Amino acid sequence: MNIPYAHGNPYHQLLYGAAGPYVAVPGAKDLDQLAQYAAGQASPVVHLHWDDRMFGRDDDPDANQDHAQRLVHRLQAFKAAGGKIFWTIHNKRAHFERDAESFAWGRGQLCALADLVHVHALHAARHMIEDWGVAPEKIRIIRHPSYLGAYEPAETTLQRPLPVSATRRFVFFGTMRGNKGIALLPETILRLAKHRPDFELLIAGKTLRRPMRQMRPMFELPQVSLQDGFIPDAQIPGVFVDSHVFLAPFGDFFTSGSVMLAQTFGLPVIGPNREEMRAITPPANHDLLYDGQRPKPLVQMMKRLIEMPHDELQDRRNHCQQFAIQTQSGTISKTFTETMQSLQH
């Protein structure tokens, strides 16, 4: 059983692969089906995701605590009935933090209740061990899968040539939250346009009201375009196929599906030189990561990519695609399934 299930994101299917007998439970806010599920299974396992959808979601702390205690009691009853809990850590903290205390209480309870804790990289393992007290023997590191084959046939993606253009095209994709480096973008892009106007930047994804206000100055530039709102699956390849470079000036982040997605389509990534970013990019492209969360180093790196010869950019693209192959669903899901099945013995 998989809770909570995120519609519109192929992550679950890529992680599980085609083999696993997994039951997705959308909207499982109260876990009230756990007892029934446990009763009907010889070795019941529940896979938990996104604890910020479970704890601290309301503006009322008392209501949050009552809800959290109800969830924890049901998980405890599930374990008492012979169930096992496998928990995937996606975020360092809640995406939309309303009640940090209730969220922290709930996460602390899951740290104790989970039989295994799945993280995507070594830095996440250290965080859960050092900051949350998870026993090291409970940690399993299984990489975030690439999106190869998720939105179009893998052969189509891998055989598509690098776009030939006199203008270097950057793309910035995903839900626009503060941790995506929104505050850094306007000054960076305005500075870049003064020195190197021969570029284009596409902002694509759901843009929240406050980030939209922050980015407004750069939308006056002819080089910048906006595709606001949810991007349907059929349109995902189109966001990337005409672009050359993915812009990821992220601030506080843990892992990034958008970075994995961009590299699947062969886009090298410009982002901060941090362990979190190095963990999800090929080592051969780590020299494209900049030091210091300021406009100047980001401008310099974008200028470098604008001036990069076509052949070198093709090499960077090849590294991204090889990374996507190494982390494709078939490889990741095999390891994941074996880990999940280990709980049933």
C-alpha atoms as a PDB file:
ATOM      1  CA  MET A   1       0.000   0.000   0.000  1.00  0.00           C
ATOM      2  CA  ASN A   2       1.330   3.394  -1.032  1.00  0.00           C
ATOM      3  CA  ILE A   3       0.298   6.538   0.910  1.00  0.00           C
ATOM      4  CA  PRO A   4      -0.069   9.359  -0.016  1.00  0.00           C
ATOM      5  CA  TYR A   5      -0.218   8.899  -3.778  1.00  0.00           C
ATOM      6  CA  ALA A   6       0.692  11.898  -5.945  1.00  0.00           C
ATOM      7  CA  HIS A   7      -1.399  12.106  -9.094  1.00  0.00           C
ATOM      8  CA  GLY A   8       0.260  13.617 -12.129  1.00  0.00           C
ATOM      9  CA  ASN A   9       3.775  12.618 -11.053  1.00  0.00           C
ATOM     10  CA  PRO A  10       5.226   9.434 -12.600  1.00  0.00           C
ATOM     11  CA  TYR A  11       7.717   9.110  -9.730  1.00  0.00           C
ATOM     12  CA  HIS A  12       5.777   6.236  -8.115  1.00  0.00           C
ATOM     13  CA  GLN A  13       5.529   4.205 -11.300  1.00  0.00           C
ATOM     14  CA  LEU A  14       9.221   4.742 -12.043  1.00  0.00           C
ATOM     15  CA  LEU A  15      10.244   3.790  -8.523  1.00  0.00           C
ATOM     16  CA  TYR A  16       8.105   0.659  -8.378  1.00  0.00           C
ATOM     17  CA  GLY A  17       8.517  -0.471 -11.973  1.00  0.00           C
ATOM     18  CA  ALA A  18       6.099  -2.782 -13.698  1.00  0.00           C
ATOM     19  CA  ALA A  19       6.571  -5.746 -11.374  1.00  0.00           C
ATOM     20  CA  GLY A  20       5.361  -4.797  -7.948  1.00  0.00           C
ATOM     21  CA  PRO A  21       1.906  -5.570  -6.531  1.00  0.00           C
ATOM     22  CA  TYR A  22       1.437  -2.106  -5.074  1.00  0.00           C
ATOM     23  CA  VAL A  23      -1.922  -0.601  -4.212  1.00  0.00           C
ATOM     24  CA  ALA A  24      -2.086   3.183  -4.554  1.00  0.00           C
ATOM     25  CA  VAL A  25      -4.425   4.861  -2.073  1.00  0.00           C
ATOM     26  CA  PRO A  26      -5.240   8.411  -3.161  1.00  0.00           C
ATOM     27  CA  GLY A  27      -6.382  10.894  -0.524  1.00  0.00           C
ATOM     28  CA  ALA A  28      -5.613   8.616   2.417  1.00  0.00           C
ATOM     29  CA  LYS A  29      -5.745  11.422   4.964  1.00  0.00           C
ATOM     30  CA  ASP A  30      -6.823   9.380   7.985  1.00  0.00           C
ATOM     31  CA  LEU A  31      -5.197   5.970   7.348  1.00  0.00           C
ATOM     32  CA  ASP A  32      -8.536   4.461   8.338  1.00  0.00           C
ATOM     33  CA  GLN A  33      -8.111   1.628   5.832  1.00  0.00           C
ATOM     34  CA  LEU A  34      -4.905   0.293   7.393  1.00  0.00           C
ATOM     35  CA  ALA A  35      -6.557  -2.200   9.739  1.00  0.00           C
ATOM     36  CA  GLN A  36      -8.625  -3.671   6.895  1.00  0.00           C
ATOM     37  CA  TYR A  37      -5.547  -3.852   4.673  1.00  0.00           C
ATOM     38  CA  ALA A  38      -3.489  -5.565   7.391  1.00  0.00           C
ATOM     39  CA  ALA A  39      -6.229  -8.143   8.003  1.00  0.00           C
ATOM     40  CA  GLY A  40      -6.249  -9.190   4.354  1.00  0.00           C
ATOM     41  CA  GLN A  41      -2.490  -9.621   3.881  1.00  0.00           C
ATOM     42  CA  ALA A  42      -0.040 -12.242   5.078  1.00  0.00           C
ATOM     43  CA  SER A  43       2.855  -9.766   5.284  1.00  0.00           C
ATOM     44  CA  PRO A  44       1.364  -6.257   4.983  1.00  0.00           C
ATOM     45  CA  VAL A  45       3.706  -3.398   4.119  1.00  0.00           C
ATOM     46  CA  VAL A  46       2.737   0.260   3.871  1.00  0.00           C
ATOM     47  CA  HIS A  47       4.956   2.659   1.946  1.00  0.00           C
ATOM     48  CA  LEU A  48       4.721   6.212   3.258  1.00  0.00           C
ATOM     49  CA  HIS A  49       5.722   9.321   1.299  1.00  0.00           C
ATOM     50  CA  TRP A  50       5.621  13.075   1.918  1.00  0.00           C
ATOM     51  CA  ASP A  51       5.005  13.368   5.635  1.00  0.00           C
ATOM     52  CA  ASP A  52       4.286  17.082   5.131  1.00  0.00           C
ATOM     53  CA  ARG A  53       0.970  15.937   3.643  1.00  0.00           C
ATOM     54  CA  MET A  54       0.261  14.065   6.857  1.00  0.00           C
ATOM     55  CA  PHE A  55       1.415  16.407   9.620  1.00  0.00           C
ATOM     56  CA  GLY A  56       1.109  20.149  10.253  1.00  0.00           C
ATOM     57  CA  ARG A  57      -1.114  20.934   7.282  1.00  0.00           C
ATOM     58  CA  ASP A  58      -3.640  23.150   9.067  1.00  0.00           C
ATOM     59  CA  ASP A  59      -3.307  26.633  10.538  1.00  0.00           C
ATOM     60  CA  ASP A  60      -4.752  25.348  13.824  1.00  0.00           C
ATOM     61  CA  PRO A  61      -1.987  23.672  15.906  1.00  0.00           C
ATOM     62  CA  ASP A  62      -4.490  21.894  18.159  1.00  0.00           C
ATOM     63  CA  ALA A  63      -6.292  20.382  15.175  1.00  0.00           C
ATOM     64  CA  ASN A  64      -2.955  19.386  13.686  1.00  0.00           C
ATOM     65  CA  GLN A  65      -1.884  17.624  16.864  1.00  0.00           C
ATOM     66  CA  ASP A  66      -5.181  15.747  17.161  1.00  0.00           C
ATOM     67  CA  HIS A  67      -4.923  14.649  13.549  1.00  0.00           C
ATOM     68  CA  ALA A  68      -1.275  13.631  13.965  1.00  0.00           C
ATOM     69  CA  GLN A  69      -2.015  11.548  17.041  1.00  0.00           C
ATOM     70  CA  ARG A  70      -4.839   9.783  15.206  1.00  0.00           C
ATOM     71  CA  LEU A  71      -2.528   8.902  12.321  1.00  0.00           C
ATOM     72  CA  VAL A  72       0.188   7.653  14.643  1.00  0.00           C
ATOM     73  CA  HIS A  73      -2.265   5.514  16.639  1.00  0.00           C
ATOM     74  CA  ARG A  74      -3.445   3.878  13.409  1.00  0.00           C
ATOM     75  CA  LEU A  75       0.110   3.223  12.312  1.00  0.00           C
ATOM     76  CA  GLN A  76       0.857   1.711  15.713  1.00  0.00           C
ATOM     77  CA  ALA A  77      -2.200  -0.532  15.372  1.00  0.00           C
ATOM     78  CA  PHE A  78      -1.052  -1.524  11.871  1.00  0.00           C
ATOM     79  CA  LYS A  79       2.318  -2.577  13.247  1.00  0.00           C
ATOM     80  CA  ALA A  80       0.687  -4.416  16.134  1.00  0.00           C
ATOM     81  CA  ALA A  81      -1.266  -6.422  13.515  1.00  0.00           C
ATOM     82  CA  GLY A  82       1.997  -7.511  11.909  1.00  0.00           C
ATOM     83  CA  GLY A  83       2.439  -4.671   9.432  1.00  0.00           C
ATOM     84  CA  LYS A  84       5.736  -3.138   8.372  1.00  0.00           C
ATOM     85  CA  ILE A  85       6.367   0.509   7.456  1.00  0.00           C
ATOM     86  CA  PHE A  86       8.677   1.590   4.646  1.00  0.00           C
ATOM     87  CA  TRP A  87       9.130   5.373   4.553  1.00  0.00           C
ATOM     88  CA  THR A  88      10.598   7.495   1.760  1.00  0.00           C
ATOM     89  CA  ILE A  89      12.102  10.865   2.716  1.00  0.00           C
ATOM     90  CA  HIS A  90      11.572  13.490   0.012  1.00  0.00           C
ATOM     91  CA  ASN A  91      12.134  16.772   1.843  1.00  0.00           C
ATOM     92  CA  LYS A  92      14.262  18.183   4.617  1.00  0.00           C
ATOM     93  CA  ARG A  93      11.243  20.112   5.867  1.00  0.00           C
ATOM     94  CA  ALA A  94       7.669  20.741   4.789  1.00  0.00           C
ATOM     95  CA  HIS A  95       7.252  22.417   1.380  1.00  0.00           C
ATOM     96  CA  PHE A  96       4.594  24.734   2.767  1.00  0.00           C
ATOM     97  CA  GLU A  97       5.395  25.098   6.445  1.00  0.00           C
ATOM     98  CA  ARG A  98       2.321  26.056   8.473  1.00  0.00           C
ATOM     99  CA  ASP A  99       2.886  24.324  11.800  1.00  0.00           C
ATOM    100  CA  ALA A 100       6.530  23.319  12.177  1.00  0.00           C
ATOM    101  CA  GLU A 101       6.011  21.911  15.669  1.00  0.00           C
ATOM    102  CA  SER A 102       3.290  19.457  14.630  1.00  0.00           C
ATOM    103  CA  PHE A 103       5.256  18.460  11.543  1.00  0.00           C
ATOM    104  CA  ALA A 104       8.370  17.813  13.621  1.00  0.00           C
ATOM    105  CA  TRP A 105       6.380  15.761  16.151  1.00  0.00           C
ATOM    106  CA  GLY A 106       4.898  13.614  13.394  1.00  0.00           C
ATOM    107  CA  ARG A 107       8.247  13.118  11.671  1.00  0.00           C
ATOM    108  CA  GLY A 108       9.786  12.122  14.975  1.00  0.00           C
ATOM    109  CA  GLN A 109       7.094   9.490  15.453  1.00  0.00           C
ATOM    110  CA  LEU A 110       7.708   8.080  11.978  1.00  0.00           C
ATOM    111  CA  CYS A 111      11.437   7.882  12.696  1.00  0.00           C
ATOM    112  CA  ALA A 112      10.623   5.480  15.524  1.00  0.00           C
ATOM    113  CA  LEU A 113       7.823   3.572  13.773  1.00  0.00           C
ATOM    114  CA  ALA A 114       9.419   2.997  10.367  1.00  0.00           C
ATOM    115  CA  ASP A 115      11.063  -0.364   9.825  1.00  0.00           C
ATOM    116  CA  LEU A 116      13.119   0.991   6.926  1.00  0.00           C
ATOM    117  CA  VAL A 117      13.803   4.582   5.858  1.00  0.00           C
ATOM    118  CA  HIS A 118      14.484   5.192   2.172  1.00  0.00           C
ATOM    119  CA  VAL A 119      16.570   8.207   1.124  1.00  0.00           C
ATOM    120  CA  HIS A 120      17.882   9.169  -2.294  1.00  0.00           C
ATOM    121  CA  ALA A 121      21.453  10.144  -1.400  1.00  0.00           C
ATOM    122  CA  LEU A 122      24.151  10.012   1.267  1.00  0.00           C
ATOM    123  CA  HIS A 123      23.551  13.562   2.520  1.00  0.00           C
ATOM    124  CA  ALA A 124      19.913  12.650   3.215  1.00  0.00           C
ATOM    125  CA  ALA A 125      21.011   9.553   5.121  1.00  0.00           C
ATOM    126  CA  ARG A 126      23.287  11.666   7.320  1.00  0.00           C
ATOM    127  CA  HIS A 127      20.489  14.140   7.947  1.00  0.00           C
ATOM    128  CA  MET A 128      18.083  11.459   9.126  1.00  0.00           C
ATOM    129  CA  ILE A 129      20.729   9.828  11.334  1.00  0.00           C
ATOM    130  CA  GLU A 130      22.294  12.952  12.834  1.00  0.00           C
ATOM    131  CA  ASP A 131      19.294  15.302  13.035  1.00  0.00           C
ATOM    132  CA  TRP A 132      16.458  12.833  13.598  1.00  0.00           C
ATOM    133  CA  GLY A 133      18.149   9.963  15.393  1.00  0.00           C
ATOM    134  CA  VAL A 134      17.219   7.246  12.898  1.00  0.00           C
ATOM    135  CA  ALA A 135      19.234   4.079  13.516  1.00  0.00           C
ATOM    136  CA  PRO A 136      21.781   3.711  10.665  1.00  0.00           C
ATOM    137  CA  GLU A 137      20.787   0.079  10.073  1.00  0.00           C
ATOM    138  CA  LYS A 138      17.285   1.237   9.123  1.00  0.00           C
ATOM    139  CA  ILE A 139      18.534   3.516   6.308  1.00  0.00           C
ATOM    140  CA  ARG A 140      18.466   2.428   2.664  1.00  0.00           C
ATOM    141  CA  ILE A 141      19.944   4.643  -0.056  1.00  0.00           C
ATOM    142  CA  ILE A 142      18.173   4.149  -3.397  1.00  0.00           C
ATOM    143  CA  ARG A 143      18.657   6.855  -5.993  1.00  0.00           C
ATOM    144  CA  HIS A 144      15.906   8.999  -7.460  1.00  0.00           C
ATOM    145  CA  PRO A 145      15.011   7.481 -10.841  1.00  0.00           C
ATOM    146  CA  SER A 146      15.422   9.405 -14.051  1.00  0.00           C
ATOM    147  CA  TYR A 147      12.340  10.030 -16.178  1.00  0.00           C
ATOM    148  CA  LEU A 148      13.591   8.082 -19.175  1.00  0.00           C
ATOM    149  CA  GLY A 149      10.550   6.524 -20.839  1.00  0.00           C
ATOM    150  CA  ALA A 150       8.037   8.325 -18.620  1.00  0.00           C
ATOM    151  CA  TYR A 151       6.741  10.927 -21.081  1.00  0.00           C
ATOM    152  CA  GLU A 152       7.811   9.468 -24.408  1.00  0.00           C
ATOM    153  CA  PRO A 153       9.675   6.354 -25.609  1.00  0.00           C
ATOM    154  CA  ALA A 154      13.238   6.265 -24.294  1.00  0.00           C
ATOM    155  CA  GLU A 155      14.567   5.793 -27.838  1.00  0.00           C
ATOM    156  CA  THR A 156      12.917   9.044 -28.919  1.00  0.00           C
ATOM    157  CA  THR A 157      14.513  10.937 -26.050  1.00  0.00           C
ATOM    158  CA  LEU A 158      17.994   9.491 -26.501  1.00  0.00           C
ATOM    159  CA  GLN A 159      18.075   9.910 -30.298  1.00  0.00           C
ATOM    160  CA  ARG A 160      16.887  13.511 -30.362  1.00  0.00           C
ATOM    161  CA  PRO A 161      19.720  15.798 -31.537  1.00  0.00           C
ATOM    162  CA  LEU A 162      21.005  18.824 -29.709  1.00  0.00           C
ATOM    163  CA  PRO A 163      19.087  21.875 -30.998  1.00  0.00           C
ATOM    164  CA  VAL A 164      21.142  23.986 -33.370  1.00  0.00           C
ATOM    165  CA  SER A 165      20.639  27.670 -32.645  1.00  0.00           C
ATOM    166  CA  ALA A 166      22.660  30.864 -32.544  1.00  0.00           C
ATOM    167  CA  THR A 167      20.809  31.698 -29.318  1.00  0.00           C
ATOM    168  CA  ARG A 168      21.455  29.678 -26.178  1.00  0.00           C
ATOM    169  CA  ARG A 169      18.168  28.612 -24.609  1.00  0.00           C
ATOM    170  CA  PHE A 170      17.795  28.140 -20.853  1.00  0.00           C
ATOM    171  CA  VAL A 171      14.763  26.659 -19.101  1.00  0.00           C
ATOM    172  CA  PHE A 172      13.578  26.988 -15.498  1.00  0.00           C
ATOM    173  CA  PHE A 173      10.900  24.403 -14.714  1.00  0.00           C
ATOM    174  CA  GLY A 174       8.703  23.316 -11.802  1.00  0.00           C
ATOM    175  CA  THR A 175       6.456  24.752  -9.138  1.00  0.00           C
ATOM    176  CA  MET A 176       7.905  28.174  -8.356  1.00  0.00           C
ATOM    177  CA  ARG A 177       8.599  28.247  -4.633  1.00  0.00           C
ATOM    178  CA  GLY A 178      11.049  30.383  -2.693  1.00  0.00           C
ATOM    179  CA  ASN A 179      13.587  27.570  -2.359  1.00  0.00           C
ATOM    180  CA  LYS A 180      13.864  27.417  -6.168  1.00  0.00           C
ATOM    181  CA  GLY A 181      16.054  30.534  -6.161  1.00  0.00           C
ATOM    182  CA  ILE A 182      13.288  32.872  -7.295  1.00  0.00           C
ATOM    183  CA  ALA A 183      14.790  35.834  -5.452  1.00  0.00           C
ATOM    184  CA  LEU A 184      18.091  35.375  -7.288  1.00  0.00           C
ATOM    185  CA  LEU A 185      16.685  35.274 -10.804  1.00  0.00           C
ATOM    186  CA  PRO A 186      15.559  38.858 -11.603  1.00  0.00           C
ATOM    187  CA  GLU A 187      18.875  40.575 -10.819  1.00  0.00           C
ATOM    188  CA  THR A 188      20.804  37.735 -12.486  1.00  0.00           C
ATOM    189  CA  ILE A 189      18.839  37.851 -15.726  1.00  0.00           C
ATOM    190  CA  LEU A 190      18.784  41.657 -15.880  1.00  0.00           C
ATOM    191  CA  ARG A 191      22.571  41.735 -15.446  1.00  0.00           C
ATOM    192  CA  LEU A 192      23.097  39.019 -18.037  1.00  0.00           C
ATOM    193  CA  ALA A 193      20.931  40.813 -20.612  1.00  0.00           C
ATOM    194  CA  LYS A 194      23.142  43.915 -20.379  1.00  0.00           C
ATOM    195  CA  HIS A 195      26.247  41.961 -21.381  1.00  0.00           C
ATOM    196  CA  ARG A 196      24.989  39.011 -23.439  1.00  0.00           C
ATOM    197  CA  PRO A 197      21.562  39.571 -24.979  1.00  0.00           C
ATOM    198  CA  ASP A 198      21.931  36.462 -27.191  1.00  0.00           C
ATOM    199  CA  PHE A 199      20.002  34.078 -24.943  1.00  0.00           C
ATOM    200  CA  GLU A 200      16.446  32.988 -24.203  1.00  0.00           C
ATOM    201  CA  LEU A 201      14.911  31.889 -20.911  1.00  0.00           C
ATOM    202  CA  LEU A 202      11.676  29.928 -20.573  1.00  0.00           C
ATOM    203  CA  ILE A 203       9.983  29.894 -17.159  1.00  0.00           C
ATOM    204  CA  ALA A 204       7.611  26.915 -17.164  1.00  0.00           C
ATOM    205  CA  GLY A 205       5.401  25.641 -14.357  1.00  0.00           C
ATOM    206  CA  LYS A 206       2.947  26.714 -11.712  1.00  0.00           C
ATOM    207  CA  THR A 207       3.920  30.169 -10.465  1.00  0.00           C
ATOM    208  CA  LEU A 208       2.589  31.237  -7.082  1.00  0.00           C
ATOM    209  CA  ARG A 209       1.548  34.824  -6.471  1.00  0.00           C
ATOM    210  CA  ARG A 210       4.513  36.008  -4.401  1.00  0.00           C
ATOM    211  CA  PRO A 211       7.204  34.452  -6.653  1.00  0.00           C
ATOM    212  CA  MET A 212       5.426  35.959  -9.649  1.00  0.00           C
ATOM    213  CA  ARG A 213       5.761  39.420  -8.101  1.00  0.00           C
ATOM    214  CA  GLN A 214       9.453  38.799  -7.420  1.00  0.00           C
ATOM    215  CA  MET A 215      10.132  37.760 -11.007  1.00  0.00           C
ATOM    216  CA  ARG A 216       8.053  40.465 -12.699  1.00  0.00           C
ATOM    217  CA  PRO A 217      10.992  42.814 -13.564  1.00  0.00           C
ATOM    218  CA  MET A 218      12.622  40.260 -15.829  1.00  0.00           C
ATOM    219  CA  PHE A 219       9.412  39.494 -17.717  1.00  0.00           C
ATOM    220  CA  GLU A 220       9.819  42.875 -19.403  1.00  0.00           C
ATOM    221  CA  LEU A 221      12.891  41.516 -21.202  1.00  0.00           C
ATOM    222  CA  PRO A 222      12.283  40.143 -24.724  1.00  0.00           C
ATOM    223  CA  GLN A 223      14.535  37.187 -23.910  1.00  0.00           C
ATOM    224  CA  VAL A 224      12.222  35.870 -21.155  1.00  0.00           C
ATOM    225  CA  SER A 225       8.967  33.987 -21.724  1.00  0.00           C
ATOM    226  CA  LEU A 226       6.517  32.397 -19.289  1.00  0.00           C
ATOM    227  CA  GLN A 227       4.445  29.221 -19.565  1.00  0.00           C
ATOM    228  CA  ASP A 228       2.460  29.508 -16.355  1.00  0.00           C
ATOM    229  CA  GLY A 229       0.378  26.749 -14.800  1.00  0.00           C
ATOM    230  CA  PHE A 230       0.361  22.967 -14.636  1.00  0.00           C
ATOM    231  CA  ILE A 231       2.112  21.381 -17.624  1.00  0.00           C
ATOM    232  CA  PRO A 232       0.194  18.312 -18.937  1.00  0.00           C
ATOM    233  CA  ASP A 233       2.236  15.151 -19.475  1.00  0.00           C
ATOM    234  CA  ALA A 234       1.928  15.374 -23.254  1.00  0.00           C
ATOM    235  CA  GLN A 235       3.560  18.825 -23.189  1.00  0.00           C
ATOM    236  CA  ILE A 236       6.488  17.945 -20.907  1.00  0.00           C
ATOM    237  CA  PRO A 237       8.915  16.959 -23.702  1.00  0.00           C
ATOM    238  CA  GLY A 238       8.140  20.200 -25.525  1.00  0.00           C
ATOM    239  CA  VAL A 239       9.375  22.235 -22.564  1.00  0.00           C
ATOM    240  CA  PHE A 240      12.848  20.720 -22.901  1.00  0.00           C
ATOM    241  CA  VAL A 241      13.432  19.655 -26.505  1.00  0.00           C
ATOM    242  CA  ASP A 242      14.143  23.152 -27.848  1.00  0.00           C
ATOM    243  CA  SER A 243      16.329  24.165 -24.893  1.00  0.00           C
ATOM    244  CA  HIS A 244      20.024  23.673 -24.210  1.00  0.00           C
ATOM    245  CA  VAL A 245      20.576  24.233 -20.478  1.00  0.00           C
ATOM    246  CA  PHE A 246      18.565  23.788 -17.285  1.00  0.00           C
ATOM    247  CA  LEU A 247      18.717  26.615 -14.773  1.00  0.00           C
ATOM    248  CA  ALA A 248      18.530  25.426 -11.146  1.00  0.00           C
ATOM    249  CA  PRO A 249      19.678  28.251  -8.813  1.00  0.00           C
ATOM    250  CA  PHE A 250      18.106  26.439  -5.865  1.00  0.00           C
ATOM    251  CA  GLY A 251      18.533  27.593  -2.296  1.00  0.00           C
ATOM    252  CA  ASP A 252      17.455  25.120   0.370  1.00  0.00           C
ATOM    253  CA  PHE A 253      16.677  21.770  -1.269  1.00  0.00           C
ATOM    254  CA  PHE A 254      17.067  18.059  -0.564  1.00  0.00           C
ATOM    255  CA  THR A 255      16.721  16.413  -3.957  1.00  0.00           C
ATOM    256  CA  SER A 256      15.140  17.539  -7.204  1.00  0.00           C
ATOM    257  CA  GLY A 257      12.900  15.668  -9.581  1.00  0.00           C
ATOM    258  CA  SER A 258      13.066  18.604 -12.003  1.00  0.00           C
ATOM    259  CA  VAL A 259      16.856  18.289 -12.246  1.00  0.00           C
ATOM    260  CA  MET A 260      16.514  14.560 -12.949  1.00  0.00           C
ATOM    261  CA  LEU A 261      13.829  15.346 -15.537  1.00  0.00           C
ATOM    262  CA  ALA A 262      15.909  17.978 -17.340  1.00  0.00           C
ATOM    263  CA  GLN A 263      18.937  15.709 -17.557  1.00  0.00           C
ATOM    264  CA  THR A 264      16.740  12.921 -18.921  1.00  0.00           C
ATOM    265  CA  PHE A 265      16.184  15.225 -21.915  1.00  0.00           C
ATOM    266  CA  GLY A 266      19.919  15.921 -22.135  1.00  0.00           C
ATOM    267  CA  LEU A 267      20.057  19.376 -20.542  1.00  0.00           C
ATOM    268  CA  PRO A 268      23.171  20.056 -18.451  1.00  0.00           C
ATOM    269  CA  VAL A 269      22.400  21.793 -15.177  1.00  0.00           C
ATOM    270  CA  ILE A 270      23.630  25.115 -13.807  1.00  0.00           C
ATOM    271  CA  GLY A 271      23.140  25.098 -10.056  1.00  0.00           C
ATOM    272  CA  PRO A 272      24.849  25.704  -6.709  1.00  0.00           C
ATOM    273  CA  ASN A 273      27.978  23.714  -5.932  1.00  0.00           C
ATOM    274  CA  ARG A 274      26.475  21.800  -3.024  1.00  0.00           C
ATOM    275  CA  GLU A 275      26.483  18.131  -2.090  1.00  0.00           C
ATOM    276  CA  GLU A 276      22.756  17.935  -2.773  1.00  0.00           C
ATOM    277  CA  MET A 277      23.275  19.051  -6.382  1.00  0.00           C
ATOM    278  CA  ARG A 278      26.413  16.984  -6.949  1.00  0.00           C
ATOM    279  CA  ALA A 279      24.466  13.892  -5.839  1.00  0.00           C
ATOM    280  CA  ILE A 280      21.987  14.268  -8.720  1.00  0.00           C
ATOM    281  CA  THR A 281      24.280  15.403 -11.543  1.00  0.00           C
ATOM    282  CA  PRO A 282      27.040  13.519 -13.414  1.00  0.00           C
ATOM    283  CA  PRO A 283      30.555  14.208 -12.070  1.00  0.00           C
ATOM    284  CA  ALA A 284      31.760  15.262 -15.529  1.00  0.00           C
ATOM    285  CA  ASN A 285      29.369  18.236 -15.351  1.00  0.00           C
ATOM    286  CA  HIS A 286      30.162  19.333 -11.792  1.00  0.00           C
ATOM    287  CA  ASP A 287      32.296  22.183 -13.105  1.00  0.00           C
ATOM    288  CA  LEU A 288      29.017  23.802 -14.215  1.00  0.00           C
ATOM    289  CA  LEU A 289      28.053  24.254 -10.563  1.00  0.00           C
ATOM    290  CA  TYR A 290      28.863  27.662  -9.105  1.00  0.00           C
ATOM    291  CA  ASP A 291      29.964  28.770  -5.641  1.00  0.00           C
ATOM    292  CA  GLY A 292      27.977  31.343  -3.687  1.00  0.00           C
ATOM    293  CA  GLN A 293      24.242  31.951  -3.836  1.00  0.00           C
ATOM    294  CA  ARG A 294      24.622  35.365  -5.467  1.00  0.00           C
ATOM    295  CA  PRO A 295      23.840  36.818  -8.908  1.00  0.00           C
ATOM    296  CA  LYS A 296      27.477  37.290 -10.005  1.00  0.00           C
ATOM    297  CA  PRO A 297      28.614  33.631 -10.100  1.00  0.00           C
ATOM    298  CA  LEU A 298      25.331  32.610 -11.711  1.00  0.00           C
ATOM    299  CA  VAL A 299      25.715  35.297 -14.394  1.00  0.00           C
ATOM    300  CA  GLN A 300      29.276  34.144 -15.060  1.00  0.00           C
ATOM    301  CA  MET A 301      28.197  30.528 -15.439  1.00  0.00           C
ATOM    302  CA  MET A 302      25.348  31.455 -17.779  1.00  0.00           C
ATOM    303  CA  LYS A 303      27.787  33.483 -19.898  1.00  0.00           C
ATOM    304  CA  ARG A 304      30.069  30.458 -20.020  1.00  0.00           C
ATOM    305  CA  LEU A 305      27.235  28.315 -21.338  1.00  0.00           C
ATOM    306  CA  ILE A 306      26.271  30.969 -23.890  1.00  0.00           C
ATOM    307  CA  GLU A 307      29.845  30.946 -25.192  1.00  0.00           C
ATOM    308  CA  MET A 308      30.273  27.150 -25.004  1.00  0.00           C
ATOM    309  CA  PRO A 309      31.006  25.577 -28.413  1.00  0.00           C
ATOM    310  CA  HIS A 310      28.376  23.251 -29.858  1.00  0.00           C
ATOM    311  CA  ASP A 311      30.666  20.203 -29.630  1.00  0.00           C
ATOM    312  CA  GLU A 312      31.368  20.738 -25.944  1.00  0.00           C
ATOM    313  CA  LEU A 313      27.690  21.249 -25.212  1.00  0.00           C
ATOM    314  CA  GLN A 314      27.023  17.969 -27.026  1.00  0.00           C
ATOM    315  CA  ASP A 315      29.521  16.248 -24.703  1.00  0.00           C
ATOM    316  CA  ARG A 316      27.709  17.713 -21.697  1.00  0.00           C
ATOM    317  CA  ARG A 317      24.447  16.442 -23.133  1.00  0.00           C
ATOM    318  CA  ASN A 318      25.917  12.954 -23.543  1.00  0.00           C
ATOM    319  CA  HIS A 319      26.939  12.901 -19.870  1.00  0.00           C
ATOM    320  CA  CYS A 320      23.380  13.801 -18.867  1.00  0.00           C
ATOM    321  CA  GLN A 321      21.875  11.071 -20.994  1.00  0.00           C
ATOM    322  CA  GLN A 322      24.295   8.462 -19.680  1.00  0.00           C
ATOM    323  CA  PHE A 323      23.351   9.534 -16.153  1.00  0.00           C
ATOM    324  CA  ALA A 324      19.673   9.108 -17.066  1.00  0.00           C
ATOM    325  CA  ILE A 325      20.400   5.608 -18.381  1.00  0.00           C
ATOM    326  CA  GLN A 326      22.295   4.655 -15.221  1.00  0.00           C
ATOM    327  CA  THR A 327      19.376   5.795 -13.051  1.00  0.00           C
ATOM    328  CA  GLN A 328      16.530   4.610 -15.266  1.00  0.00           C
ATOM    329  CA  SER A 329      13.491   2.975 -13.753  1.00  0.00           C
ATOM    330  CA  GLY A 330      14.446  -0.631 -14.518  1.00  0.00           C
ATOM    331  CA  THR A 331      17.629  -0.367 -12.478  1.00  0.00           C
ATOM    332  CA  ILE A 332      16.188   1.642  -9.596  1.00  0.00           C
ATOM    333  CA  SER A 333      12.933  -0.312  -9.298  1.00  0.00           C
ATOM    334  CA  LYS A 334      14.792  -3.644  -9.097  1.00  0.00           C
ATOM    335  CA  THR A 335      16.730  -2.434  -6.058  1.00  0.00           C
ATOM    336  CA  PHE A 336      13.627  -0.866  -4.557  1.00  0.00           C
ATOM    337  CA  THR A 337      11.525  -4.006  -4.987  1.00  0.00           C
ATOM    338  CA  GLU A 338      14.210  -6.192  -3.417  1.00  0.00           C
ATOM    339  CA  THR A 339      14.378  -3.818  -0.454  1.00  0.00           C
ATOM    340  CA  MET A 340      10.613  -3.768  -0.053  1.00  0.00           C
ATOM    341  CA  GLN A 341      10.409  -7.553  -0.236  1.00  0.00           C
ATOM    342  CA  SER A 342      13.042  -7.881   2.487  1.00  0.00           C
ATOM    343  CA  LEU A 343      10.400  -6.603   4.922  1.00  0.00           C
ATOM    344  CA  GLN A 344       8.160  -9.557   4.133  1.00  0.00           C
ATOM    345  CA  HIS A 345      10.574 -12.176   5.425  1.00  0.00           C
END
